[in-house]
Amino acid sequence: MKHISFAIIGFELRAKRTRKRVFLKEMNRVVPWVELVGLIQPFAANGTGAKVGRPSFAVENKLRIHFLQHWFGLKAPAMEEALRDVSQYCEFARLDPGCTRLPDETTILRFRDMPEENNPSIQFLATINATLATKGLMLKSGAVVDATLIAAPSSTTNSSNERDPEMHQTKMGSQWHFCMKAHIGLDTESGLVHTIVGTAANFNDVTQGHGLLHGEEEVVFADAGYQRAKKRPEAKGVQWHVAMRRGKRRALDKHSPWSNLMDKAEQLKASVWARVEHPFRALKCQFGFAKVRYRGRSMNTVQLVTLFALSNLWTAHKRILQGVMA
């Protein structure tokens, strides 16, 4: 008969530094937990005045679980099971399954619904960006604006027998997509997102361009979808550098010195506004948010804001940790 080793019960003599373990360790160090818990505390029931029933979990425990859901794309039932199966999640959430009970999916779901009612996600973004600004990572001298499509379920097999009325279809290239659109404003120097707007997919990018500015920019970089941004009625006193349309750029005479200068100028523009693709990569590839998870734009936009706030921490985590170590 084989004996049970200590590794089976969670005590390993040689624990490998997996990517998930390293990621959670780094995020634990860079997330401003005290400030974020202080934002949620007035809205979250902590059970201190309860006379009967089970005591509530601490706000920080539930916030850590909430972030785990965003990072690894887990719904409430899957998150409950993951807490029981993956010891790293319990360690990050500061829960000991051997000594205390673990939150069930109802507890996790109620905390997830709480941000939609009180909408602290905007405050999350502002608090995280303020923390990064104190470390010199938000210069706010320029901005990049862009948008990306987030797919939505097109199935009509639901109680209303219709697709989500707050989403819309749009054509990209030769294909039609049913989705919503996430518009973001990005700081050119640090590459950090400061403004997020969620709309239906049929909204033109240029209509949201000026709403993505925080008011302190001097220059704004954008792709060809924002051609007439500086001519709109709400145009502010900023200098727009908008990419030339592809057809017009392909038509440039390669033998003309003036055309060569224009082409180099377009390359410089592209080297700046291409930075906006990094938050989109973190959103869709790092955190797996390639498809909306809720019905309607409101709650999906709340999740988008939270995800971009967390992506800012992921983008700047090495610089933050280097500053801490220094």
Protein backbone atom coordinates (compact mmCIF):
# COMPACT_ATOMS: atom_id res chain seq x y z
CA MET A 1 0.00 0.00 0.00
CA LYS A 2 1.38 3.40 -1.02
CA HIS A 3 1.57 6.14 1.55
CA ILE A 4 0.22 9.64 0.87
CA SER A 5 3.00 12.18 0.42
CA PHE A 6 3.03 15.69 1.81
CA ALA A 7 2.70 17.05 -1.74
CA ILE A 8 -0.84 15.64 -1.93
CA ILE A 9 -1.92 17.71 1.06
CA GLY A 10 -0.30 20.90 -0.24
CA PHE A 11 3.20 20.75 1.30
CA GLU A 12 5.80 20.47 -1.46
CA LEU A 13 9.51 20.49 -0.83
CA ARG A 14 10.15 21.69 -4.39
CA ALA A 15 7.44 24.02 -5.66
CA LYS A 16 7.90 25.10 -9.29
CA ARG A 17 7.52 28.78 -10.10
CA THR A 18 4.72 28.47 -12.64
CA ARG A 19 3.61 31.43 -14.75
CA LYS A 20 0.31 31.60 -12.87
CA ARG A 21 2.07 31.67 -9.52
CA VAL A 22 4.45 34.39 -10.68
CA PHE A 23 1.59 36.42 -12.17
CA LEU A 24 -0.48 36.30 -8.96
CA LYS A 25 2.54 37.15 -6.84
CA GLU A 26 3.34 40.20 -8.96
CA MET A 27 -0.28 41.38 -9.07
CA ASN A 28 -0.53 41.00 -5.31
CA ARG A 29 2.34 43.43 -4.95
CA VAL A 30 1.24 46.08 -7.46
CA VAL A 31 -2.54 46.30 -6.81
CA PRO A 32 -3.33 49.17 -4.37
CA TRP A 33 -5.52 47.00 -2.13
CA VAL A 34 -5.99 49.51 0.68
CA GLU A 35 -7.32 52.23 -1.62
CA LEU A 36 -9.61 49.90 -3.59
CA VAL A 37 -11.05 48.26 -0.48
CA GLY A 38 -11.75 51.73 0.89
CA LEU A 39 -13.83 52.51 -2.21
CA ILE A 40 -15.99 49.40 -1.87
CA GLN A 41 -16.32 49.29 1.91
CA PRO A 42 -19.26 51.77 2.11
CA PHE A 43 -21.29 49.71 -0.39
CA ALA A 44 -20.42 46.17 0.69
CA ALA A 45 -22.17 44.49 3.61
CA ASN A 46 -19.54 43.24 6.02
CA GLY A 47 -21.87 41.55 8.41
CA THR A 48 -20.57 43.33 11.53
CA GLY A 49 -24.06 44.16 12.68
CA ALA A 50 -25.62 40.81 11.90
CA LYS A 51 -27.05 38.85 14.85
CA VAL A 52 -27.88 35.62 13.04
CA GLY A 53 -26.63 33.71 10.02
CA ARG A 54 -23.14 33.07 8.77
CA PRO A 55 -20.59 35.86 9.09
CA SER A 56 -19.75 37.67 5.88
CA PHE A 57 -16.37 37.45 4.17
CA ALA A 58 -14.07 40.43 4.34
CA VAL A 59 -14.31 42.93 1.50
CA GLU A 60 -10.68 42.35 0.54
CA ASN A 61 -11.27 38.59 0.20
CA LYS A 62 -14.20 39.17 -2.13
CA LEU A 63 -12.34 41.83 -4.12
CA ARG A 64 -9.42 39.46 -4.66
CA ILE A 65 -11.83 36.77 -5.89
CA HIS A 66 -13.49 39.37 -8.13
CA PHE A 67 -10.14 40.16 -9.75
CA LEU A 68 -9.38 36.45 -10.17
CA GLN A 69 -12.61 36.15 -12.15
CA HIS A 70 -11.50 38.96 -14.47
CA TRP A 71 -7.96 37.69 -14.94
CA PHE A 72 -8.90 34.08 -15.70
CA GLY A 73 -12.39 34.51 -17.23
CA LEU A 74 -14.28 32.52 -14.58
CA LYS A 75 -18.00 32.78 -13.89
CA ALA A 76 -19.33 32.42 -10.35
CA PRO A 77 -19.88 28.61 -10.41
CA ALA A 78 -16.48 28.03 -12.00
CA MET A 79 -14.85 30.40 -9.51
CA GLU A 80 -16.33 28.50 -6.57
CA GLU A 81 -14.95 25.22 -7.92
CA ALA A 82 -11.57 26.79 -8.72
CA LEU A 83 -11.20 27.97 -5.13
CA ARG A 84 -11.60 24.37 -4.01
CA ASP A 85 -9.33 22.90 -6.70
CA VAL A 86 -6.54 25.46 -7.18
CA SER A 87 -4.61 26.22 -4.02
CA GLN A 88 -2.97 29.28 -5.61
CA TYR A 89 -6.36 31.00 -5.87
CA CYS A 90 -7.08 30.47 -2.17
CA GLU A 91 -3.61 31.72 -1.33
CA PHE A 92 -4.13 34.86 -3.40
CA ALA A 93 -7.62 35.43 -1.92
CA ARG A 94 -6.17 34.96 1.58
CA LEU A 95 -8.49 32.06 2.37
CA ASP A 96 -7.52 28.85 4.16
CA PRO A 97 -9.81 26.00 3.07
CA GLY A 98 -8.53 23.83 5.92
CA CYS A 99 -9.63 26.25 8.62
CA THR A 100 -12.41 28.39 7.18
CA ARG A 101 -15.31 27.94 4.77
CA LEU A 102 -15.03 29.14 1.19
CA PRO A 103 -17.50 31.51 -0.49
CA ASP A 104 -20.16 29.86 -2.62
CA GLU A 105 -21.25 31.04 -6.05
CA THR A 106 -24.12 33.12 -4.59
CA THR A 107 -21.68 35.16 -2.49
CA ILE A 108 -19.40 35.63 -5.48
CA LEU A 109 -22.33 36.56 -7.72
CA ARG A 110 -23.69 39.15 -5.28
CA PHE A 111 -20.34 40.86 -5.06
CA ARG A 112 -20.08 40.86 -8.86
CA ASP A 113 -23.51 42.49 -9.13
CA MET A 114 -22.60 45.09 -6.52
CA PRO A 115 -20.31 47.11 -8.85
CA GLU A 116 -23.14 47.46 -11.40
CA GLU A 117 -25.41 49.08 -8.82
CA ASN A 118 -22.81 51.43 -7.29
CA ASN A 119 -20.43 51.53 -10.29
CA PRO A 120 -17.07 51.71 -8.51
CA SER A 121 -15.27 50.54 -11.67
CA ILE A 122 -14.73 54.15 -12.80
CA GLN A 123 -13.31 54.87 -9.38
CA PHE A 124 -11.15 51.74 -9.68
CA LEU A 125 -9.65 53.14 -12.87
CA ALA A 126 -9.16 56.61 -11.39
CA THR A 127 -7.58 55.23 -8.20
CA ILE A 128 -5.21 52.90 -10.04
CA ASN A 129 -4.20 55.67 -12.46
CA ALA A 130 -3.65 58.07 -9.56
CA THR A 131 -1.41 55.49 -7.92
CA LEU A 132 0.54 55.10 -11.16
CA ALA A 133 0.74 58.87 -11.57
CA THR A 134 2.48 59.19 -8.20
CA LYS A 135 5.13 56.86 -9.59
CA GLY A 136 5.59 59.07 -12.65
CA LEU A 137 3.87 56.72 -15.10
CA MET A 138 1.06 59.01 -16.34
CA LEU A 139 2.50 62.05 -18.14
CA LYS A 140 -0.71 63.11 -19.93
CA SER A 141 1.12 65.10 -22.60
CA GLY A 142 -0.52 63.28 -25.48
CA ALA A 143 -3.17 60.68 -26.23
CA VAL A 144 -3.99 57.87 -28.63
CA VAL A 145 -7.61 56.97 -29.36
CA ASP A 146 -8.93 53.80 -30.96
CA ALA A 147 -11.73 51.24 -30.74
CA THR A 148 -12.08 47.46 -30.95
CA LEU A 149 -14.98 45.09 -31.48
CA ILE A 150 -16.10 42.70 -28.73
CA ALA A 151 -18.20 39.85 -30.11
CA ALA A 152 -21.71 39.25 -28.73
CA PRO A 153 -23.88 36.11 -28.97
CA SER A 154 -26.00 36.24 -32.12
CA SER A 155 -28.23 33.33 -31.08
CA THR A 156 -31.98 33.89 -30.64
CA THR A 157 -32.55 30.75 -28.53
CA ASN A 158 -33.51 32.67 -25.40
CA SER A 159 -36.69 33.65 -23.57
CA SER A 160 -37.30 36.70 -25.81
CA ASN A 161 -36.34 34.89 -29.04
CA GLU A 162 -34.20 37.82 -30.16
CA ARG A 163 -30.63 39.00 -30.13
CA ASP A 164 -29.40 41.51 -27.57
CA PRO A 165 -31.13 44.78 -28.59
CA GLU A 166 -28.26 46.87 -27.20
CA MET A 167 -25.73 45.25 -29.52
CA HIS A 168 -25.54 45.74 -33.26
CA GLN A 169 -24.02 44.25 -36.37
CA THR A 170 -21.28 45.93 -38.34
CA LYS A 171 -19.16 45.08 -41.34
CA MET A 172 -15.39 44.75 -41.09
CA GLY A 173 -13.73 43.99 -44.39
CA SER A 174 -15.99 41.51 -46.12
CA GLN A 175 -17.45 39.96 -42.94
CA TRP A 176 -20.37 40.98 -40.75
CA HIS A 177 -20.02 40.89 -36.97
CA PHE A 178 -22.63 41.16 -34.22
CA CYS A 179 -20.90 42.87 -31.31
CA MET A 180 -20.32 45.94 -29.16
CA LYS A 181 -17.47 48.42 -29.48
CA ALA A 182 -14.95 49.46 -26.82
CA HIS A 183 -13.45 52.93 -27.33
CA ILE A 184 -10.36 53.87 -25.30
CA GLY A 185 -8.10 56.85 -24.75
CA LEU A 186 -4.45 56.03 -24.08
CA ASP A 187 -1.52 58.02 -22.71
CA THR A 188 1.19 58.15 -25.39
CA GLU A 189 4.18 58.08 -23.03
CA SER A 190 3.19 55.40 -20.53
CA GLY A 191 0.81 53.37 -22.71
CA LEU A 192 -1.85 53.38 -19.96
CA VAL A 193 -5.59 53.67 -20.56
CA HIS A 194 -7.37 56.62 -18.95
CA THR A 195 -10.83 56.67 -20.61
CA ILE A 196 -13.20 53.89 -21.74
CA VAL A 197 -16.54 54.20 -23.53
CA GLY A 198 -18.74 51.26 -24.53
CA THR A 199 -21.16 51.62 -27.46
CA ALA A 200 -23.01 49.49 -29.98
CA ALA A 201 -20.92 48.32 -32.92
CA ASN A 202 -22.61 50.65 -35.43
CA PHE A 203 -21.28 53.82 -33.71
CA ASN A 204 -18.65 55.51 -35.86
CA ASP A 205 -15.27 55.84 -34.14
CA VAL A 206 -15.04 59.57 -34.86
CA THR A 207 -18.23 60.30 -32.89
CA GLN A 208 -16.54 59.17 -29.68
CA GLY A 209 -13.08 60.59 -30.34
CA HIS A 210 -13.37 63.78 -28.29
CA GLY A 211 -15.10 61.96 -25.43
CA LEU A 212 -11.94 59.89 -24.97
CA LEU A 213 -9.80 62.92 -24.11
CA HIS A 214 -9.25 64.03 -20.51
CA GLY A 215 -8.61 67.69 -21.43
CA GLU A 216 -4.88 67.98 -20.75
CA GLU A 217 -3.61 66.63 -24.07
CA GLU A 218 -1.63 68.70 -26.52
CA VAL A 219 -1.58 66.16 -29.36
CA VAL A 220 -3.80 63.21 -30.28
CA PHE A 221 -2.88 60.30 -32.55
CA ALA A 222 -5.49 58.15 -34.27
CA ASP A 223 -5.99 55.83 -37.22
CA ALA A 224 -7.81 56.66 -40.45
CA GLY A 225 -11.23 56.19 -38.84
CA TYR A 226 -10.91 59.62 -37.18
CA GLN A 227 -10.35 61.66 -40.37
CA ARG A 228 -12.82 64.45 -39.54
CA ALA A 229 -12.31 64.56 -35.77
CA LYS A 230 -10.81 68.06 -35.77
CA LYS A 231 -13.75 69.41 -37.80
CA ARG A 232 -16.48 68.24 -35.42
CA PRO A 233 -18.44 70.82 -33.35
CA GLU A 234 -17.05 69.47 -30.07
CA ALA A 235 -13.46 69.73 -31.30
CA LYS A 236 -11.07 70.95 -28.61
CA GLY A 237 -7.86 72.90 -28.91
CA VAL A 238 -5.63 69.90 -29.53
CA GLN A 239 -3.55 68.94 -32.54
CA TRP A 240 -4.82 65.79 -34.26
CA HIS A 241 -2.41 63.49 -36.10
CA VAL A 242 -4.67 61.14 -38.07
CA ALA A 243 -3.33 58.38 -40.29
CA MET A 244 -3.81 58.63 -44.03
CA ARG A 245 -6.29 56.24 -45.61
CA ARG A 246 -4.71 53.09 -47.03
CA GLY A 247 -5.85 53.69 -50.58
CA LYS A 248 -4.47 57.22 -50.61
CA ARG A 249 -1.17 56.07 -49.12
CA ARG A 250 -0.78 53.27 -51.67
CA ALA A 251 -1.34 55.83 -54.43
CA LEU A 252 1.68 57.92 -53.38
CA ASP A 253 4.40 58.24 -56.00
CA LYS A 254 7.40 56.37 -54.61
CA HIS A 255 9.75 58.35 -56.88
CA SER A 256 8.60 61.74 -55.56
CA PRO A 257 10.63 63.26 -52.67
CA TRP A 258 7.48 64.87 -51.27
CA SER A 259 5.63 61.56 -51.34
CA ASN A 260 8.55 59.88 -49.55
CA LEU A 261 8.41 62.51 -46.81
CA MET A 262 4.68 61.97 -46.43
CA ASP A 263 5.21 58.21 -46.21
CA LYS A 264 7.85 58.65 -43.47
CA ALA A 265 5.45 60.95 -41.60
CA GLU A 266 2.81 58.21 -41.75
CA GLN A 267 5.33 55.72 -40.39
CA LEU A 268 6.02 58.02 -37.44
CA LYS A 269 2.30 58.38 -36.77
CA ALA A 270 1.85 54.61 -36.92
CA SER A 271 4.72 54.03 -34.48
CA VAL A 272 2.81 56.11 -31.92
CA TRP A 273 -0.83 55.07 -32.37
CA ALA A 274 0.17 51.39 -32.69
CA ARG A 275 0.71 51.43 -28.90
CA VAL A 276 -3.05 51.32 -28.47
CA GLU A 277 -2.99 47.69 -29.61
CA HIS A 278 -1.18 46.58 -26.43
CA PRO A 279 -4.17 47.12 -24.09
CA PHE A 280 -6.39 45.35 -26.62
CA ARG A 281 -3.95 42.43 -26.64
CA ALA A 282 -4.02 42.29 -22.84
CA LEU A 283 -7.82 42.43 -22.87
CA LYS A 284 -8.37 39.66 -25.42
CA CYS A 285 -5.26 37.46 -25.16
CA GLN A 286 -4.01 37.93 -21.60
CA PHE A 287 -7.43 38.05 -19.88
CA GLY A 288 -9.45 36.18 -22.52
CA PHE A 289 -12.18 38.81 -22.95
CA ALA A 290 -12.91 38.14 -26.63
CA LYS A 291 -16.69 37.90 -26.19
CA VAL A 292 -19.17 39.76 -23.98
CA ARG A 293 -20.38 37.81 -20.96
CA TYR A 294 -23.58 39.65 -20.06
CA ARG A 295 -26.68 40.94 -21.78
CA GLY A 296 -26.77 44.67 -22.42
CA ARG A 297 -23.97 47.23 -22.64
CA SER A 298 -24.12 48.55 -19.08
CA MET A 299 -22.61 45.63 -17.21
CA ASN A 300 -20.27 44.75 -20.07
CA THR A 301 -18.93 48.31 -19.98
CA VAL A 302 -18.42 48.02 -16.21
CA GLN A 303 -16.39 44.88 -16.81
CA LEU A 304 -14.44 46.57 -19.59
CA VAL A 305 -13.45 49.44 -17.30
CA THR A 306 -12.31 47.01 -14.59
CA LEU A 307 -10.35 44.94 -17.10
CA PHE A 308 -8.58 47.98 -18.55
CA ALA A 309 -7.79 49.20 -15.04
CA LEU A 310 -6.19 45.83 -14.31
CA SER A 311 -4.41 45.88 -17.68
CA ASN A 312 -2.82 49.19 -16.66
CA LEU A 313 -1.32 47.43 -13.65
CA TRP A 314 -0.16 44.57 -15.85
CA THR A 315 1.40 47.00 -18.34
CA ALA A 316 3.29 48.89 -15.63
CA HIS A 317 3.96 46.08 -13.15
CA LYS A 318 7.63 45.63 -14.08
CA ARG A 319 8.34 49.34 -13.73
CA ILE A 320 6.47 49.43 -10.42
CA LEU A 321 8.36 46.43 -9.05
CA GLN A 322 11.68 47.89 -10.17
CA GLY A 323 10.83 51.05 -8.29
CA VAL A 324 9.90 49.06 -5.19
CA MET A 325 13.10 47.03 -5.37
CA ALA A 326 15.18 50.17 -5.89
